[in-house]
Amino acid sequence: MPIVNIQVTREGSTPERDSVTAEEKAALIKGVSELLRDVLNKPLESTFVVIEEVDTDNWGWGGLPALEYRRKLAAMKETGEG
């Protein structure tokens, strides 16, 4: 029985949204389940998919909180450093 964990940031796919929609989550669940069926021959009914939305202040990269790192990248692009 496969268990797939998907983590996405709690942001949404467009600027006016702050989370992933139910429809997008359903598409992720369907797509991952079908991929495991097609590649590993796992039945859909034996595949579990867990989607966790992570607040942007709970992750980071480049040694900085995510939003701060993004601001740094944006500033570098504006000044031609990046």
N, C-alpha and C. Protein backbone atom coordinates (compact mmCIF):
# COMPACT_ATOMS: atom_id res chain seq x y z
N MET A 1 0.83 -1.16 0.00
CA MET A 1 0.00 0.00 0.00
C MET A 1 0.89 1.24 0.00
N PRO A 2 0.94 1.97 -1.10
CA PRO A 2 1.73 3.20 -1.14
C PRO A 2 1.06 4.34 -0.37
N ILE A 3 1.89 5.11 0.31
CA ILE A 3 1.44 6.34 0.95
C ILE A 3 2.32 7.46 0.40
N VAL A 4 1.70 8.43 -0.23
CA VAL A 4 2.43 9.54 -0.83
C VAL A 4 2.11 10.80 -0.04
N ASN A 5 3.15 11.49 0.41
CA ASN A 5 2.98 12.77 1.11
C ASN A 5 3.40 13.89 0.18
N ILE A 6 2.51 14.85 -0.01
CA ILE A 6 2.79 16.02 -0.85
C ILE A 6 2.73 17.25 0.05
N GLN A 7 3.78 18.04 0.03
CA GLN A 7 3.77 19.29 0.77
C GLN A 7 3.80 20.43 -0.24
N VAL A 8 2.89 21.36 -0.05
CA VAL A 8 2.83 22.55 -0.89
C VAL A 8 2.77 23.76 0.03
N THR A 9 3.26 24.88 -0.46
CA THR A 9 3.16 26.09 0.36
C THR A 9 1.73 26.59 0.36
N ARG A 10 1.34 27.19 1.45
CA ARG A 10 -0.01 27.73 1.59
C ARG A 10 -0.03 29.10 0.91
N GLU A 11 -0.11 29.06 -0.43
CA GLU A 11 -0.08 30.30 -1.19
C GLU A 11 -1.13 30.35 -2.27
N GLY A 12 -1.49 29.25 -2.83
CA GLY A 12 -2.40 29.29 -3.96
C GLY A 12 -1.65 29.48 -5.26
N SER A 13 -2.32 29.24 -6.33
CA SER A 13 -1.66 29.28 -7.64
C SER A 13 -1.85 30.61 -8.36
N THR A 14 -2.58 31.52 -7.76
CA THR A 14 -2.71 32.87 -8.32
C THR A 14 -2.60 33.88 -7.17
N PRO A 15 -2.22 35.11 -7.47
CA PRO A 15 -1.96 36.09 -6.41
C PRO A 15 -3.13 36.35 -5.46
N GLU A 16 -4.35 36.25 -5.92
CA GLU A 16 -5.49 36.58 -5.07
C GLU A 16 -5.91 35.43 -4.14
N ARG A 17 -5.26 34.27 -4.24
CA ARG A 17 -5.63 33.12 -3.41
C ARG A 17 -4.52 32.81 -2.41
N ASP A 18 -4.91 32.28 -1.26
CA ASP A 18 -3.90 31.96 -0.24
C ASP A 18 -3.85 30.48 0.10
N SER A 19 -4.39 29.64 -0.76
CA SER A 19 -4.29 28.20 -0.55
C SER A 19 -4.56 27.48 -1.87
N VAL A 20 -4.27 26.20 -1.86
CA VAL A 20 -4.55 25.35 -3.01
C VAL A 20 -6.03 25.02 -2.97
N THR A 21 -6.70 25.03 -4.12
CA THR A 21 -8.14 24.77 -4.13
C THR A 21 -8.43 23.28 -3.97
N ALA A 22 -9.66 22.97 -3.60
CA ALA A 22 -10.10 21.58 -3.49
C ALA A 22 -9.96 20.87 -4.83
N GLU A 23 -10.22 21.58 -5.91
CA GLU A 23 -10.11 20.99 -7.24
C GLU A 23 -8.65 20.65 -7.57
N GLU A 24 -7.73 21.55 -7.21
CA GLU A 24 -6.30 21.28 -7.45
C GLU A 24 -5.83 20.10 -6.61
N LYS A 25 -6.29 20.02 -5.37
CA LYS A 25 -5.92 18.88 -4.52
C LYS A 25 -6.46 17.58 -5.09
N ALA A 26 -7.69 17.61 -5.56
CA ALA A 26 -8.29 16.41 -6.17
C ALA A 26 -7.48 15.97 -7.39
N ALA A 27 -7.03 16.94 -8.19
CA ALA A 27 -6.23 16.61 -9.38
C ALA A 27 -4.88 16.01 -8.98
N LEU A 28 -4.27 16.53 -7.91
CA LEU A 28 -3.02 15.95 -7.42
C LEU A 28 -3.22 14.51 -6.96
N ILE A 29 -4.28 14.29 -6.19
CA ILE A 29 -4.57 12.94 -5.69
C ILE A 29 -4.80 11.98 -6.85
N LYS A 30 -5.59 12.41 -7.81
CA LYS A 30 -5.88 11.56 -8.97
C LYS A 30 -4.62 11.27 -9.77
N GLY A 31 -3.85 12.32 -10.05
CA GLY A 31 -2.65 12.16 -10.86
C GLY A 31 -1.61 11.26 -10.22
N VAL A 32 -1.36 11.46 -8.93
CA VAL A 32 -0.37 10.63 -8.23
C VAL A 32 -0.84 9.19 -8.17
N SER A 33 -2.10 8.99 -7.87
CA SER A 33 -2.65 7.63 -7.79
C SER A 33 -2.54 6.92 -9.14
N GLU A 34 -2.88 7.63 -10.21
CA GLU A 34 -2.78 7.03 -11.54
C GLU A 34 -1.33 6.75 -11.93
N LEU A 35 -0.41 7.62 -11.53
CA LEU A 35 1.01 7.39 -11.82
C LEU A 35 1.50 6.11 -11.14
N LEU A 36 1.15 5.92 -9.88
CA LEU A 36 1.55 4.70 -9.18
C LEU A 36 0.89 3.46 -9.79
N ARG A 37 -0.34 3.60 -10.25
CA ARG A 37 -1.00 2.49 -10.94
C ARG A 37 -0.26 2.16 -12.23
N ASP A 38 0.07 3.18 -13.02
CA ASP A 38 0.69 2.96 -14.32
C ASP A 38 2.14 2.49 -14.23
N VAL A 39 2.90 3.00 -13.26
CA VAL A 39 4.32 2.67 -13.15
C VAL A 39 4.56 1.44 -12.28
N LEU A 40 3.87 1.34 -11.15
CA LEU A 40 4.13 0.25 -10.21
C LEU A 40 3.01 -0.78 -10.13
N ASN A 41 1.97 -0.60 -10.96
CA ASN A 41 0.83 -1.52 -10.99
C ASN A 41 0.11 -1.58 -9.63
N LYS A 42 0.04 -0.44 -8.94
CA LYS A 42 -0.64 -0.37 -7.65
C LYS A 42 -2.10 0.01 -7.88
N PRO A 43 -3.03 -0.73 -7.32
CA PRO A 43 -4.44 -0.39 -7.51
C PRO A 43 -4.77 0.97 -6.89
N LEU A 44 -5.66 1.70 -7.53
CA LEU A 44 -6.06 3.01 -7.02
C LEU A 44 -6.55 2.94 -5.58
N GLU A 45 -7.30 1.89 -5.27
CA GLU A 45 -7.89 1.80 -3.93
C GLU A 45 -6.88 1.46 -2.84
N SER A 46 -5.64 1.15 -3.22
CA SER A 46 -4.64 0.86 -2.19
C SER A 46 -3.63 2.00 -2.03
N THR A 47 -3.83 3.08 -2.77
CA THR A 47 -2.91 4.21 -2.72
C THR A 47 -3.51 5.34 -1.87
N PHE A 48 -2.72 5.80 -0.91
CA PHE A 48 -3.14 6.90 -0.04
C PHE A 48 -2.29 8.13 -0.37
N VAL A 49 -2.93 9.27 -0.52
CA VAL A 49 -2.23 10.52 -0.81
C VAL A 49 -2.60 11.52 0.28
N VAL A 50 -1.56 12.11 0.89
CA VAL A 50 -1.76 13.10 1.94
C VAL A 50 -1.18 14.43 1.44
N ILE A 51 -1.98 15.47 1.46
CA ILE A 51 -1.53 16.80 1.04
C ILE A 51 -1.47 17.69 2.27
N GLU A 52 -0.31 18.28 2.47
CA GLU A 52 -0.13 19.18 3.61
C GLU A 52 0.26 20.54 3.07
N GLU A 53 -0.47 21.57 3.51
CA GLU A 53 -0.13 22.94 3.13
C GLU A 53 0.73 23.54 4.24
N VAL A 54 1.88 24.09 3.86
CA VAL A 54 2.83 24.64 4.81
C VAL A 54 2.80 26.16 4.71
N ASP A 55 2.59 26.82 5.84
CA ASP A 55 2.62 28.28 5.86
C ASP A 55 3.99 28.78 5.42
N THR A 56 4.02 29.89 4.71
CA THR A 56 5.29 30.39 4.19
C THR A 56 6.27 30.78 5.28
N ASP A 57 5.79 31.08 6.49
CA ASP A 57 6.74 31.41 7.55
C ASP A 57 7.28 30.17 8.26
N ASN A 58 6.90 28.99 7.79
CA ASN A 58 7.38 27.73 8.38
C ASN A 58 8.39 27.00 7.50
N TRP A 59 8.96 27.67 6.52
CA TRP A 59 9.98 27.05 5.70
C TRP A 59 10.89 28.12 5.12
N GLY A 60 11.99 27.70 4.59
CA GLY A 60 12.92 28.65 3.99
C GLY A 60 13.99 27.94 3.20
N TRP A 61 14.84 28.72 2.57
CA TRP A 61 16.00 28.18 1.86
C TRP A 61 17.04 29.28 1.74
N GLY A 62 18.24 28.88 1.41
CA GLY A 62 19.31 29.87 1.31
C GLY A 62 19.65 30.52 2.65
N GLY A 63 19.32 29.81 3.75
CA GLY A 63 19.61 30.33 5.07
C GLY A 63 18.65 31.39 5.56
N LEU A 64 17.54 31.61 4.85
CA LEU A 64 16.59 32.66 5.22
C LEU A 64 15.17 32.11 5.19
N PRO A 65 14.25 32.75 5.94
CA PRO A 65 12.84 32.42 5.77
C PRO A 65 12.44 32.66 4.31
N ALA A 66 11.51 31.87 3.81
CA ALA A 66 11.17 31.88 2.39
C ALA A 66 10.82 33.26 1.85
N LEU A 67 9.96 33.99 2.55
CA LEU A 67 9.54 35.30 2.03
C LEU A 67 10.70 36.28 2.01
N GLU A 68 11.58 36.21 3.00
CA GLU A 68 12.75 37.08 3.02
C GLU A 68 13.70 36.74 1.87
N TYR A 69 13.87 35.45 1.61
CA TYR A 69 14.72 35.02 0.51
C TYR A 69 14.16 35.51 -0.83
N ARG A 70 12.84 35.41 -0.99
CA ARG A 70 12.21 35.90 -2.22
C ARG A 70 12.43 37.40 -2.40
N ARG A 71 12.31 38.15 -1.30
CA ARG A 71 12.55 39.61 -1.38
C ARG A 71 14.00 39.88 -1.80
N LYS A 72 14.92 39.10 -1.26
CA LYS A 72 16.34 39.25 -1.61
C LYS A 72 16.55 38.97 -3.09
N LEU A 73 15.94 37.90 -3.60
CA LEU A 73 16.06 37.58 -5.03
C LEU A 73 15.48 38.69 -5.90
N ALA A 74 14.32 39.22 -5.49
CA ALA A 74 13.68 40.28 -6.26
C ALA A 74 14.56 41.52 -6.29
N ALA A 75 15.16 41.87 -5.15
CA ALA A 75 16.05 43.03 -5.10
C ALA A 75 17.27 42.83 -5.97
N MET A 76 17.80 41.61 -5.98
CA MET A 76 18.97 41.32 -6.81
C MET A 76 18.63 41.45 -8.30
N LYS A 77 17.43 41.02 -8.69
CA LYS A 77 17.01 41.14 -10.08
C LYS A 77 16.86 42.60 -10.47
N GLU A 78 16.31 43.41 -9.55
CA GLU A 78 16.11 44.83 -9.83
C GLU A 78 17.45 45.56 -10.03
N THR A 79 18.45 45.13 -9.29
CA THR A 79 19.76 45.80 -9.38
C THR A 79 20.68 45.12 -10.39
N GLY A 80 20.19 44.04 -11.00
CA GLY A 80 20.99 43.33 -11.99
C GLY A 80 22.05 42.41 -11.40
N GLU A 81 21.92 42.10 -10.12
CA GLU A 81 22.90 41.23 -9.46
C GLU A 81 22.57 39.76 -9.66
N GLY A 82 21.36 39.41 -10.01
CA GLY A 82 20.97 38.01 -10.03
C GLY A 82 20.66 37.44 -11.34
